[in-house]
C-alpha atoms as a PDB file:
ATOM      1  CA  MET A   1      35.941 114.798  58.226  1.00  0.00           C
ATOM      2  CA  ALA A   2      38.974 114.177  60.461  1.00  0.00           C
ATOM      3  CA  THR A   3      39.978 117.026  62.686  1.00  0.00           C
ATOM      4  CA  PRO A   4      43.703 117.820  62.417  1.00  0.00           C
ATOM      5  CA  THR A   5      45.659 117.302  65.566  1.00  0.00           C
ATOM      6  CA  PRO A   6      47.117 120.633  66.784  1.00  0.00           C
ATOM      7  CA  GLN A   7      50.850 120.740  67.258  1.00  0.00           C
ATOM      8  CA  PRO A   8      51.991 121.536  70.820  1.00  0.00           C
ATOM      9  CA  GLN A   9      53.321 125.024  71.433  1.00  0.00           C
ATOM     10  CA  GLN A  10      57.004 125.272  72.231  1.00  0.00           C
ATOM     11  CA  PRO A  11      57.690 126.612  75.760  1.00  0.00           C
ATOM     12  CA  ASN A  12      58.875 130.198  76.178  1.00  0.00           C
ATOM     13  CA  GLN A  13      58.226 130.982  72.487  1.00  0.00           C
ATOM     14  CA  PRO A  14      56.385 134.105  71.235  1.00  0.00           C
ATOM     15  CA  PRO A  15      52.906 133.197  70.003  1.00  0.00           C
ATOM     16  CA  ASN A  16      53.374 134.832  66.567  1.00  0.00           C
ATOM     17  CA  GLN A  17      56.341 132.707  65.555  1.00  0.00           C
ATOM     18  CA  PRO A  18      55.826 129.305  63.981  1.00  0.00           C
ATOM     19  CA  PRO A  19      56.744 126.346  66.178  1.00  0.00           C
ATOM     20  CA  GLN A  20      60.280 125.118  65.846  1.00  0.00           C
ATOM     21  CA  PRO A  21      60.695 121.708  64.280  1.00  0.00           C
ATOM     22  CA  VAL A  22      61.248 118.868  66.674  1.00  0.00           C
ATOM     23  CA  PRO A  23      64.512 116.975  66.069  1.00  0.00           C
ATOM     24  CA  ALA A  24      64.158 113.642  64.400  1.00  0.00           C
ATOM     25  CA  GLY A  25      63.798 110.732  66.759  1.00  0.00           C
ATOM     26  CA  VAL A  26      62.491 112.866  69.645  1.00  0.00           C
ATOM     27  CA  HIS A  27      58.931 112.436  70.830  1.00  0.00           C
ATOM     28  CA  GLN A  28      56.950 115.611  70.193  1.00  0.00           C
ATOM     29  CA  GLY A  29      54.923 115.443  73.373  1.00  0.00           C
ATOM     30  CA  ALA A  30      58.093 115.285  75.428  1.00  0.00           C
ATOM     31  CA  ALA A  31      59.575 118.275  73.591  1.00  0.00           C
ATOM     32  CA  ALA A  32      56.446 120.297  74.256  1.00  0.00           C
ATOM     33  CA  ASN A  33      56.976 119.899  77.977  1.00  0.00           C
ATOM     34  CA  GLY A  34      60.642 120.770  77.833  1.00  0.00           C
ATOM     35  CA  HIS A  35      61.834 117.168  78.018  1.00  0.00           C
ATOM     36  CA  ALA A  36      63.384 115.249  75.167  1.00  0.00           C
ATOM     37  CA  TYR A  37      63.137 111.509  74.906  1.00  0.00           C
ATOM     38  CA  ALA A  38      65.041 109.914  72.077  1.00  0.00           C
ATOM     39  CA  ALA A  39      63.754 106.816  70.390  1.00  0.00           C
ATOM     40  CA  PRO A  40      65.895 103.704  70.209  1.00  0.00           C
ATOM     41  CA  PRO A  41      68.168 103.804  67.154  1.00  0.00           C
ATOM     42  CA  ASN A  42      66.908 100.492  65.754  1.00  0.00           C
ATOM     43  CA  ALA A  43      63.202 101.065  66.423  1.00  0.00           C
ATOM     44  CA  ALA A  44      60.882 100.305  63.544  1.00  0.00           C
ATOM     45  CA  PRO A  45      58.341 102.934  62.369  1.00  0.00           C
ATOM     46  CA  GLY A  46      54.967 102.673  63.998  1.00  0.00           C
ATOM     47  CA  ALA A  47      51.605 104.313  63.700  1.00  0.00           C
ATOM     48  CA  ASN A  48      51.396 107.957  62.558  1.00  0.00           C
ATOM     49  CA  GLY A  49      55.020 107.888  61.492  1.00  0.00           C
ATOM     50  CA  GLN A  50      56.294 107.664  65.042  1.00  0.00           C
ATOM     51  CA  PRO A  51      59.098 105.287  65.906  1.00  0.00           C
ATOM     52  CA  GLY A  52      57.905 101.819  66.735  1.00  0.00           C
ATOM     53  CA  GLY A  53      57.378 101.234  70.428  1.00  0.00           C
ATOM     54  CA  ALA A  54      57.555 104.945  71.304  1.00  0.00           C
ATOM     55  CA  PRO A  55      54.928 105.503  74.007  1.00  0.00           C
ATOM     56  CA  GLN A  56      52.351 108.224  73.889  1.00  0.00           C
ATOM     57  CA  TRP A  57      52.821 111.271  76.106  1.00  0.00           C
ATOM     58  CA  GLN A  58      50.901 110.893  79.361  1.00  0.00           C
ATOM     59  CA  PRO A  59      47.934 113.267  79.828  1.00  0.00           C
ATOM     60  CA  ASN A  60      49.046 114.290  83.315  1.00  0.00           C
ATOM     61  CA  GLY A  61      52.307 115.744  82.027  1.00  0.00           C
ATOM     62  CA  GLN A  62      54.502 112.879  83.152  1.00  0.00           C
ATOM     63  CA  ALA A  63      57.300 111.633  80.992  1.00  0.00           C
ATOM     64  CA  PRO A  64      56.534 108.760  78.619  1.00  0.00           C
ATOM     65  CA  HIS A  65      57.440 105.332  79.817  1.00  0.00           C
ATOM     66  CA  GLY A  66      57.807 101.978  78.239  1.00  0.00           C
ATOM     67  CA  ALA A  67      60.273 100.023  76.209  1.00  0.00           C
ATOM     68  CA  GLY A  68      60.554 102.698  73.537  1.00  0.00           C
ATOM     69  CA  ALA A  69      61.300 105.643  75.843  1.00  0.00           C
ATOM     70  CA  VAL A  70      65.035 106.240  76.113  1.00  0.00           C
ATOM     71  CA  PRO A  71      66.163 109.409  77.918  1.00  0.00           C
ATOM     72  CA  ALA A  72      68.174 111.697  75.696  1.00  0.00           C
ATOM     73  CA  GLN A  73      71.820 111.990  76.672  1.00  0.00           C
ATOM     74  CA  GLY A  74      72.530 114.821  79.096  1.00  0.00           C
ATOM     75  CA  LEU A  75      68.919 115.630  79.969  1.00  0.00           C
ATOM     76  CA  TYR A  76      68.024 112.930  82.473  1.00  0.00           C
ATOM     77  CA  GLN A  77      70.088 110.805  84.811  1.00  0.00           C
ATOM     78  CA  GLN A  78      68.508 107.823  86.423  1.00  0.00           C
ATOM     79  CA  ALA A  79      68.415 108.046  90.220  1.00  0.00           C
ATOM     80  CA  PRO A  80      70.509 105.372  91.937  1.00  0.00           C
ATOM     81  CA  THR A  81      68.400 102.479  93.060  1.00  0.00           C
ATOM     82  CA  GLY A  82      71.056 100.196  94.562  1.00  0.00           C
ATOM     83  CA  SER A  83      71.409 100.000  98.326  1.00  0.00           C
ATOM     84  CA  LEU A  84      74.371 101.480 100.109  1.00  0.00           C
ATOM     85  CA  HIS A  85      77.107  99.025 100.830  1.00  0.00           C
ATOM     86  CA  PHE A  86      78.022  98.119 104.381  1.00  0.00           C
ATOM     87  CA  THR A  87      81.483  99.596 103.869  1.00  0.00           C
ATOM     88  CA  ARG A  88      79.926 102.960 103.081  1.00  0.00           C
ATOM     89  CA  MET A  89      77.911 102.744 106.268  1.00  0.00           C
ATOM     90  CA  LEU A  90      81.135 102.064 108.162  1.00  0.00           C
ATOM     91  CA  GLN A  91      82.702 105.144 106.597  1.00  0.00           C
ATOM     92  CA  SER A  92      79.668 107.223 107.496  1.00  0.00           C
ATOM     93  CA  GLU A  93      79.684 106.089 111.119  1.00  0.00           C
ATOM     94  CA  TRP A  94      83.424 106.663 111.398  1.00  0.00           C
ATOM     95  CA  THR A  95      82.991 110.205 110.084  1.00  0.00           C
ATOM     96  CA  LYS A  96      80.235 110.920 112.610  1.00  0.00           C
ATOM     97  CA  ILE A  97      82.189 109.523 115.550  1.00  0.00           C
ATOM     98  CA  ARG A  98      85.503 111.223 114.851  1.00  0.00           C
ATOM     99  CA  THR A  99      83.987 114.644 114.145  1.00  0.00           C
ATOM    100  CA  VAL A 100      82.152 114.894 117.480  1.00  0.00           C
ATOM    101  CA  ARG A 101      84.060 116.694 120.222  1.00  0.00           C
ATOM    102  CA  SER A 102      82.667 114.561 123.010  1.00  0.00           C
ATOM    103  CA  THR A 103      84.264 111.502 121.413  1.00  0.00           C
ATOM    104  CA  MET A 104      87.740 112.983 121.425  1.00  0.00           C
ATOM    105  CA  TRP A 105      87.382 114.329 124.955  1.00  0.00           C
ATOM    106  CA  SER A 106      86.103 111.026 126.312  1.00  0.00           C
ATOM    107  CA  LEU A 107      88.936 109.104 124.667  1.00  0.00           C
ATOM    108  CA  LEU A 108      91.475 111.598 125.993  1.00  0.00           C
ATOM    109  CA  VAL A 109      90.094 111.320 129.520  1.00  0.00           C
ATOM    110  CA  MET A 110      90.203 107.539 129.296  1.00  0.00           C
ATOM    111  CA  VAL A 111      93.851 107.495 128.184  1.00  0.00           C
ATOM    112  CA  VAL A 112      94.898 110.046 130.817  1.00  0.00           C
ATOM    113  CA  LEU A 113      93.210 108.071 133.587  1.00  0.00           C
ATOM    114  CA  ILE A 114      94.843 104.791 132.590  1.00  0.00           C
ATOM    115  CA  VAL A 115      98.362 106.102 131.992  1.00  0.00           C
ATOM    116  CA  GLY A 116      98.333 108.727 134.744  1.00  0.00           C
ATOM    117  CA  LEU A 117      97.224 106.357 137.490  1.00  0.00           C
ATOM    118  CA  ALA A 118      99.768 103.800 136.308  1.00  0.00           C
ATOM    119  CA  ALA A 119     102.592 106.291 136.733  1.00  0.00           C
ATOM    120  CA  LEU A 120     101.287 107.507 140.097  1.00  0.00           C
ATOM    121  CA  LEU A 121     100.789 104.054 141.614  1.00  0.00           C
ATOM    122  CA  GLY A 122     104.038 102.757 140.194  1.00  0.00           C
ATOM    123  CA  ALA A 123     105.989 105.564 141.817  1.00  0.00           C
ATOM    124  CA  THR A 124     104.132 105.090 145.110  1.00  0.00           C
ATOM    125  CA  VAL A 125     104.861 101.393 145.604  1.00  0.00           C
ATOM    126  CA  SER A 126     108.229 101.136 143.890  1.00  0.00           C
ATOM    127  CA  ASP A 127     110.113 100.978 147.202  1.00  0.00           C
ATOM    128  CA  ASN A 128     107.557  98.995 149.182  1.00  0.00           C
ATOM    129  CA  ASP A 129     106.983  95.802 147.204  1.00  0.00           C
ATOM    130  CA  GLY A 130     109.154  92.857 148.110  1.00  0.00           C
ATOM    131  CA  SER A 131     106.505  90.220 148.466  1.00  0.00           C
ATOM    132  CA  GLY A 132     107.372  88.220 145.397  1.00  0.00           C
ATOM    133  CA  ASN A 133     104.394  89.268 143.357  1.00  0.00           C
ATOM    134  CA  PRO A 134     104.941  87.625 139.968  1.00  0.00           C
ATOM    135  CA  ASP A 135     104.018  90.728 137.991  1.00  0.00           C
ATOM    136  CA  PRO A 136     103.412  93.834 140.110  1.00  0.00           C
ATOM    137  CA  SER A 137     103.756  96.320 137.251  1.00  0.00           C
ATOM    138  CA  VAL A 138     100.885  94.834 135.224  1.00  0.00           C
ATOM    139  CA  SER A 139      98.409  94.748 138.101  1.00  0.00           C
ATOM    140  CA  LEU A 140      99.337  98.275 139.145  1.00  0.00           C
ATOM    141  CA  ALA A 141      99.383  99.672 135.631  1.00  0.00           C
ATOM    142  CA  LEU A 142      95.868  98.570 134.825  1.00  0.00           C
ATOM    143  CA  ILE A 143      94.101  99.723 137.974  1.00  0.00           C
ATOM    144  CA  GLY A 144      93.231 102.890 136.078  1.00  0.00           C
ATOM    145  CA  VAL A 145      91.032 100.820 133.768  1.00  0.00           C
ATOM    146  CA  MET A 146      88.588 100.407 136.655  1.00  0.00           C
ATOM    147  CA  ILE A 147      87.963 104.165 136.548  1.00  0.00           C
ATOM    148  CA  ALA A 148      88.445 104.636 132.807  1.00  0.00           C
ATOM    149  CA  GLN A 149      85.565 102.265 132.114  1.00  0.00           C
ATOM    150  CA  ILE A 150      83.226 105.062 133.215  1.00  0.00           C
ATOM    151  CA  ALA A 151      84.497 107.201 130.332  1.00  0.00           C
ATOM    152  CA  ALA A 152      84.123 104.264 127.933  1.00  0.00           C
ATOM    153  CA  ALA A 153      80.540 103.640 129.028  1.00  0.00           C
ATOM    154  CA  THR A 154      79.661 107.329 128.805  1.00  0.00           C
ATOM    155  CA  LEU A 155      81.044 107.516 125.286  1.00  0.00           C
ATOM    156  CA  GLY A 156      79.085 104.425 124.293  1.00  0.00           C
ATOM    157  CA  VAL A 157      75.828 106.025 125.406  1.00  0.00           C
ATOM    158  CA  LEU A 158      76.564 109.384 123.779  1.00  0.00           C
ATOM    159  CA  THR A 159      77.447 107.752 120.463  1.00  0.00           C
ATOM    160  CA  ILE A 160      73.781 106.923 119.876  1.00  0.00           C
ATOM    161  CA  SER A 161      71.833 109.124 122.290  1.00  0.00           C
ATOM    162  CA  ALA A 162      73.330 112.305 120.828  1.00  0.00           C
ATOM    163  CA  GLU A 163      71.791 111.391 117.473  1.00  0.00           C
ATOM    164  CA  TYR A 164      68.374 111.042 119.078  1.00  0.00           C
ATOM    165  CA  THR A 165      68.823 114.377 120.855  1.00  0.00           C
ATOM    166  CA  THR A 166      69.811 116.291 117.713  1.00  0.00           C
ATOM    167  CA  GLY A 167      67.456 114.425 115.382  1.00  0.00           C
ATOM    168  CA  MET A 168      70.312 113.164 113.215  1.00  0.00           C
ATOM    169  CA  ILE A 169      69.052 109.611 113.635  1.00  0.00           C
ATOM    170  CA  ARG A 170      66.056 110.510 111.431  1.00  0.00           C
ATOM    171  CA  SER A 171      68.334 111.665 108.632  1.00  0.00           C
ATOM    172  CA  THR A 172      70.447 108.544 108.989  1.00  0.00           C
ATOM    173  CA  LEU A 173      67.502 106.166 108.826  1.00  0.00           C
ATOM    174  CA  THR A 174      65.916 108.120 105.980  1.00  0.00           C
ATOM    175  CA  ALA A 175      69.068 107.815 103.906  1.00  0.00           C
ATOM    176  CA  TYR A 176      69.483 104.160 104.844  1.00  0.00           C
ATOM    177  CA  PRO A 177      66.256 102.567 106.101  1.00  0.00           C
ATOM    178  CA  ARG A 178      67.847  99.255 107.116  1.00  0.00           C
ATOM    179  CA  ARG A 179      68.015  99.984 110.809  1.00  0.00           C
ATOM    180  CA  ILE A 180      69.710  96.757 111.859  1.00  0.00           C
ATOM    181  CA  THR A 181      72.538  97.448 109.412  1.00  0.00           C
ATOM    182  CA  VAL A 182      72.921 100.981 110.760  1.00  0.00           C
ATOM    183  CA  LEU A 183      73.191  99.682 114.320  1.00  0.00           C
ATOM    184  CA  ALA A 184      75.631  96.971 113.235  1.00  0.00           C
ATOM    185  CA  ALA A 185      77.871  99.480 111.459  1.00  0.00           C
ATOM    186  CA  LYS A 186      77.832 101.797 114.452  1.00  0.00           C
ATOM    187  CA  SER A 187      78.706  98.898 116.769  1.00  0.00           C
ATOM    188  CA  VAL A 188      81.594  97.715 114.590  1.00  0.00           C
ATOM    189  CA  VAL A 189      83.122 101.179 114.287  1.00  0.00           C
ATOM    190  CA  PHE A 190      82.706 102.066 117.950  1.00  0.00           C
ATOM    191  CA  GLY A 191      83.859  98.688 119.253  1.00  0.00           C
ATOM    192  CA  THR A 192      86.959  98.723 117.063  1.00  0.00           C
ATOM    193  CA  LEU A 193      87.803 102.269 118.114  1.00  0.00           C
ATOM    194  CA  MET A 194      87.470 101.449 121.799  1.00  0.00           C
ATOM    195  CA  PHE A 195      89.582  98.306 121.501  1.00  0.00           C
ATOM    196  CA  VAL A 196      92.401 100.051 119.620  1.00  0.00           C
ATOM    197  CA  VAL A 197      92.511 103.073 121.932  1.00  0.00           C
ATOM    198  CA  GLY A 198      92.233 100.840 125.001  1.00  0.00           C
ATOM    199  CA  LEU A 199      95.023  98.586 123.750  1.00  0.00           C
ATOM    200  CA  VAL A 200      97.364 101.515 123.165  1.00  0.00           C
ATOM    201  CA  ALA A 201      96.498 103.138 126.502  1.00  0.00           C
ATOM    202  CA  CYS A 202      96.914  99.925 128.499  1.00  0.00           C
ATOM    203  CA  TYR A 203     100.248  99.091 126.910  1.00  0.00           C
ATOM    204  CA  LEU A 204     101.533 102.624 127.495  1.00  0.00           C
ATOM    205  CA  ALA A 205     100.400 102.350 131.106  1.00  0.00           C
ATOM    206  CA  TYR A 206     102.321  99.105 131.497  1.00  0.00           C
ATOM    207  CA  LEU A 207     105.481 100.620 130.000  1.00  0.00           C
ATOM    208  CA  VAL A 208     105.249 103.691 132.231  1.00  0.00           C
ATOM    209  CA  CYS A 209     104.571 101.686 135.371  1.00  0.00           C
ATOM    210  CA  ASP A 210     107.295  99.169 134.573  1.00  0.00           C
ATOM    211  CA  ALA A 211     109.756 102.007 134.099  1.00  0.00           C
ATOM    212  CA  VAL A 212     109.048 103.704 137.427  1.00  0.00           C
ATOM    213  CA  VAL A 213     108.814 100.536 139.526  1.00  0.00           C
ATOM    214  CA  ALA A 214     112.155  99.794 141.218  1.00  0.00           C
ATOM    215  CA  SER A 215     114.332  97.272 139.422  1.00  0.00           C
ATOM    216  CA  ASP A 216     114.791  95.201 142.570  1.00  0.00           C
ATOM    217  CA  VAL A 217     111.112  94.276 142.795  1.00  0.00           C
ATOM    218  CA  ALA A 218     110.808  90.519 142.952  1.00  0.00           C
ATOM    219  CA  GLY A 219     109.684  88.976 139.690  1.00  0.00           C
ATOM    220  CA  SER A 220     109.977  90.794 136.399  1.00  0.00           C
ATOM    221  CA  SER A 221     106.993  91.135 134.108  1.00  0.00           C
ATOM    222  CA  SER A 222     106.043  87.889 132.379  1.00  0.00           C
ATOM    223  CA  GLY A 223     104.804  87.942 128.814  1.00  0.00           C
ATOM    224  CA  LYS A 224     101.735  85.856 129.585  1.00  0.00           C
ATOM    225  CA  GLU A 225     100.543  88.192 132.318  1.00  0.00           C
ATOM    226  CA  VAL A 226     101.210  91.241 130.156  1.00  0.00           C
ATOM    227  CA  VAL A 227      99.147  89.857 127.283  1.00  0.00           C
ATOM    228  CA  LYS A 228      96.339  88.837 129.619  1.00  0.00           C
ATOM    229  CA  GLY A 229      96.216  92.190 131.333  1.00  0.00           C
ATOM    230  CA  VAL A 230      96.686  94.500 128.350  1.00  0.00           C
ATOM    231  CA  VAL A 231      94.604  92.652 125.757  1.00  0.00           C
ATOM    232  CA  GLY A 232      91.968  91.638 128.292  1.00  0.00           C
ATOM    233  CA  SER A 233      91.553  95.194 129.572  1.00  0.00           C
ATOM    234  CA  ALA A 234      91.233  96.574 126.039  1.00  0.00           C
ATOM    235  CA  THR A 235      88.649  93.897 125.281  1.00  0.00           C
ATOM    236  CA  TYR A 236      86.707  94.802 128.407  1.00  0.00           C
ATOM    237  CA  LEU A 237      86.666  98.505 127.483  1.00  0.00           C
ATOM    238  CA  ALA A 238      85.299  97.665 124.038  1.00  0.00           C
ATOM    239  CA  LEU A 239      82.642  95.347 125.467  1.00  0.00           C
ATOM    240  CA  ILE A 240      81.488  97.720 128.190  1.00  0.00           C
ATOM    241  CA  GLY A 241      81.270 100.444 125.536  1.00  0.00           C
ATOM    242  CA  LEU A 242      79.133  98.220 123.311  1.00  0.00           C
ATOM    243  CA  PHE A 243      76.953  97.344 126.282  1.00  0.00           C
ATOM    244  CA  ALA A 244      76.437 101.060 126.905  1.00  0.00           C
ATOM    245  CA  LEU A 245      75.707 101.590 123.210  1.00  0.00           C
ATOM    246  CA  GLY A 246      72.939  99.003 123.383  1.00  0.00           C
ATOM    247  CA  VAL A 247      71.439 100.527 126.526  1.00  0.00           C
ATOM    248  CA  GLY A 248      71.611 103.999 124.984  1.00  0.00           C
ATOM    249  CA  THR A 249      69.780 102.761 121.898  1.00  0.00           C
ATOM    250  CA  MET A 250      67.037 101.234 124.010  1.00  0.00           C
ATOM    251  CA  LEU A 251      66.535 104.230 126.315  1.00  0.00           C
ATOM    252  CA  ARG A 252      67.340 107.029 123.804  1.00  0.00           C
ATOM    253  CA  HIS A 253      68.099 109.411 126.670  1.00  0.00           C
ATOM    254  CA  SER A 254      71.652 110.314 127.660  1.00  0.00           C
ATOM    255  CA  ALA A 255      71.205 110.882 131.387  1.00  0.00           C
ATOM    256  CA  GLY A 256      68.962 107.886 131.936  1.00  0.00           C
ATOM    257  CA  ALA A 257      71.151 105.543 129.901  1.00  0.00           C
ATOM    258  CA  ILE A 258      74.387 106.643 131.595  1.00  0.00           C
ATOM    259  CA  THR A 259      72.824 106.232 135.027  1.00  0.00           C
ATOM    260  CA  THR A 260      71.552 102.769 134.122  1.00  0.00           C
ATOM    261  CA  VAL A 261      74.905 101.599 132.764  1.00  0.00           C
ATOM    262  CA  LEU A 262      76.887 102.916 135.730  1.00  0.00           C
ATOM    263  CA  GLY A 263      74.434 101.279 138.096  1.00  0.00           C
ATOM    264  CA  ILE A 264      74.861  97.915 136.388  1.00  0.00           C
ATOM    265  CA  MET A 265      78.637  98.319 136.401  1.00  0.00           C
ATOM    266  CA  LEU A 266      79.126  99.386 140.015  1.00  0.00           C
ATOM    267  CA  VAL A 267      76.141  98.482 142.178  1.00  0.00           C
ATOM    268  CA  PRO A 268      76.392  94.643 142.082  1.00  0.00           C
ATOM    269  CA  SER A 269      80.060  94.591 143.072  1.00  0.00           C
ATOM    270  CA  ILE A 270      79.516  97.100 145.897  1.00  0.00           C
ATOM    271  CA  PHE A 271      76.255  95.944 147.446  1.00  0.00           C
ATOM    272  CA  GLY A 272      76.440  92.285 146.514  1.00  0.00           C
ATOM    273  CA  GLY A 273      78.584  91.647 149.569  1.00  0.00           C
ATOM    274  CA  PHE A 274      75.731  92.745 151.810  1.00  0.00           C
ATOM    275  CA  ILE A 275      73.454  90.031 150.428  1.00  0.00           C
ATOM    276  CA  PRO A 276      73.671  86.938 152.636  1.00  0.00           C
ATOM    277  CA  GLY A 277      74.343  83.465 151.330  1.00  0.00           C
ATOM    278  CA  LYS A 278      75.612  82.208 148.024  1.00  0.00           C
ATOM    279  CA  PHE A 279      73.362  84.517 146.067  1.00  0.00           C
ATOM    280  CA  GLY A 280      75.382  87.499 147.247  1.00  0.00           C
ATOM    281  CA  ASP A 281      78.610  85.776 146.199  1.00  0.00           C
ATOM    282  CA  TRP A 282      77.085  84.998 142.826  1.00  0.00           C
ATOM    283  CA  VAL A 283      76.072  88.629 142.300  1.00  0.00           C
ATOM    284  CA  VAL A 284      79.603  89.813 143.056  1.00  0.00           C
ATOM    285  CA  ASP A 285      81.427  87.129 141.061  1.00  0.00           C
ATOM    286  CA  TYR A 286      79.473  87.712 137.866  1.00  0.00           C
ATOM    287  CA  SER A 287      79.298  91.493 138.000  1.00  0.00           C
ATOM    288  CA  PRO A 288      81.127  93.438 135.257  1.00  0.00           C
ATOM    289  CA  MET A 289      83.519  95.014 137.759  1.00  0.00           C
ATOM    290  CA  MET A 290      84.625  91.651 139.131  1.00  0.00           C
ATOM    291  CA  LEU A 291      85.155  90.329 135.609  1.00  0.00           C
ATOM    292  CA  LEU A 292      87.553  93.213 134.993  1.00  0.00           C
ATOM    293  CA  ILE A 293      89.354  92.721 138.306  1.00  0.00           C
ATOM    294  CA  LYS A 294      90.024  89.083 137.485  1.00  0.00           C
ATOM    295  CA  MET A 295      91.504  90.129 134.175  1.00  0.00           C
ATOM    296  CA  ILE A 296      94.001  92.608 135.610  1.00  0.00           C
ATOM    297  CA  ALA A 297      94.806  90.796 138.874  1.00  0.00           C
ATOM    298  CA  PRO A 298      97.753  88.365 139.152  1.00  0.00           C
ATOM    299  CA  ALA A 299      96.910  84.820 138.156  1.00  0.00           C
ATOM    300  CA  ASP A 300      97.679  83.377 141.608  1.00  0.00           C
ATOM    301  CA  ASP A 301      95.622  85.859 143.625  1.00  0.00           C
ATOM    302  CA  ALA A 302      93.962  83.665 146.259  1.00  0.00           C
ATOM    303  CA  ASP A 303      91.265  86.243 147.021  1.00  0.00           C
ATOM    304  CA  LEU A 304      89.730  85.842 143.555  1.00  0.00           C
ATOM    305  CA  GLY A 305      89.225  82.097 143.491  1.00  0.00           C
ATOM    306  CA  GLY A 306      85.438  82.064 143.012  1.00  0.00           C
ATOM    307  CA  GLY A 307      83.447  82.544 139.849  1.00  0.00           C
ATOM    308  CA  LEU A 308      84.853  82.446 136.336  1.00  0.00           C
ATOM    309  CA  GLY A 309      88.431  82.762 135.182  1.00  0.00           C
ATOM    310  CA  PRO A 310      89.758  85.794 133.280  1.00  0.00           C
ATOM    311  CA  TRP A 311      88.966  84.734 129.715  1.00  0.00           C
ATOM    312  CA  PRO A 312      85.688  82.931 130.496  1.00  0.00           C
ATOM    313  CA  GLY A 313      84.745  86.130 132.279  1.00  0.00           C
ATOM    314  CA  MET A 314      85.349  88.077 129.062  1.00  0.00           C
ATOM    315  CA  ILE A 315      83.067  85.639 127.246  1.00  0.00           C
ATOM    316  CA  LEU A 316      80.380  86.384 129.823  1.00  0.00           C
ATOM    317  CA  MET A 317      80.985  90.110 129.337  1.00  0.00           C
ATOM    318  CA  ALA A 318      80.570  89.604 125.594  1.00  0.00           C
ATOM    319  CA  CYS A 319      77.227  87.934 126.318  1.00  0.00           C
ATOM    320  CA  TYR A 320      76.164  90.979 128.345  1.00  0.00           C
ATOM    321  CA  ALA A 321      77.059  93.272 125.439  1.00  0.00           C
ATOM    322  CA  ALA A 322      75.357  90.995 122.908  1.00  0.00           C
ATOM    323  CA  ALA A 323      72.170  90.905 124.983  1.00  0.00           C
ATOM    324  CA  ALA A 324      72.077  94.706 125.121  1.00  0.00           C
ATOM    325  CA  LEU A 325      72.636  94.998 121.367  1.00  0.00           C
ATOM    326  CA  VAL A 326      69.964  92.405 120.590  1.00  0.00           C
ATOM    327  CA  GLY A 327      67.489  94.341 122.710  1.00  0.00           C
ATOM    328  CA  ALA A 328      68.534  97.537 120.957  1.00  0.00           C
ATOM    329  CA  ALA A 329      68.091  95.946 117.523  1.00  0.00           C
ATOM    330  CA  THR A 330      64.634  94.689 118.451  1.00  0.00           C
ATOM    331  CA  LEU A 331      63.443  98.091 119.638  1.00  0.00           C
ATOM    332  CA  ILE A 332      65.032 100.198 116.906  1.00  0.00           C
ATOM    333  CA  LYS A 333      63.363  98.006 114.294  1.00  0.00           C
ATOM    334  CA  SER A 334      59.889  98.060 115.815  1.00  0.00           C
ATOM    335  CA  ARG A 335      59.380 101.618 117.035  1.00  0.00           C
ATOM    336  CA  ASP A 336      59.363 105.073 115.506  1.00  0.00           C
ATOM    337  CA  VAL A 337      62.356 107.330 115.807  1.00  0.00           C
END
C-alpha cells in the first residue's frame, strides 16, 4: 500500500491549524521554505499534477533550479553578473582621488610653486635682461616646474601607496578583480589630472611672469616657445607622476617609493657630472631633470646641445613612465595584496 506523502508545514504557523493552500503555479517545496517559485505560464502538466519541467525541491534546502524554475516577481532578484565597465572604473578612481586631502594639498603646492616662483623671478630680472634672449619670460616662468615636480612625484606615489596602507586596495580588487584594468583606470585618471592642472599652472605662470617682466626686454614671447614650454612642462609633470605611480605600485610603501623616485629624478643630473668620460655625459643628458630643462630652456641655448631635443626627450620620458607601469602591472597581477 502506498504511503501518502506528507504535506510540508507552513513556516510560522500554529501546529493546530490546517496548512494554508499553496497558490496555483507555485512549487510546494519552495513555499514550505518561505520561497515562492512560479512555474512558466505555458508549461505543460507533468507527473503528480505538477507543471511540466518544474524541478523537484532540493533536499539540502536550496531553491529549485532548472528550466522550469522561474522566480516569482518581487521575491528574488538575480545578482548582476556582468563586469563593471571601464568608464565606471574611471569614475571610481576619480572619486577616490578627489576626495583625499593629500591630493588637493599636493596640487595646491604644485600650483603655488610654479606661479609663485614665476612672479618672483620675473620681478627680480625685469630690469637686468638686455641680452636679446628670444623668450625670457617663458624660461623664467617655468623654472618653478623643476621644484614642483617633487610634489607631482609625491602625489603619484601616494595615489596608490595610500590604498595599500589603509587596505582599500583589497576592497577595490575584491569588487573588481581585473587588476590590470584597475591600474589602467588609475593611471588614466591621475595622468589626465596632472596634465590639466600642470597646463593651467604653467600658463598662469607664463602670464604672471610676462606681466611683471619689463616691456623693454629684448624679444617678446614667441608662440612656438610658449607652446613648447607650457605644453611640454605639463606633459612632463604628468609623465613623472605616472612614473611615480608605477614605482609606488611596485614598492607599496610610501616612504621607500618617494625616496626611490626622488633619487632617480635628482641624483643622475647632480652626480653624473662627477663621472669621467662620455658615460657621465650620457647619464646627465638622459636624466629626467635634464629632459625637463631642455623643454623649458630657450631653443638656441648653446649649453644644452648634447643629448636629445625637447620633444624626443619627452618621448624618452614617456618610455620611463611606461616601463614603470609595465613593471607595476606585472607585479600587481602576480602577487597577493
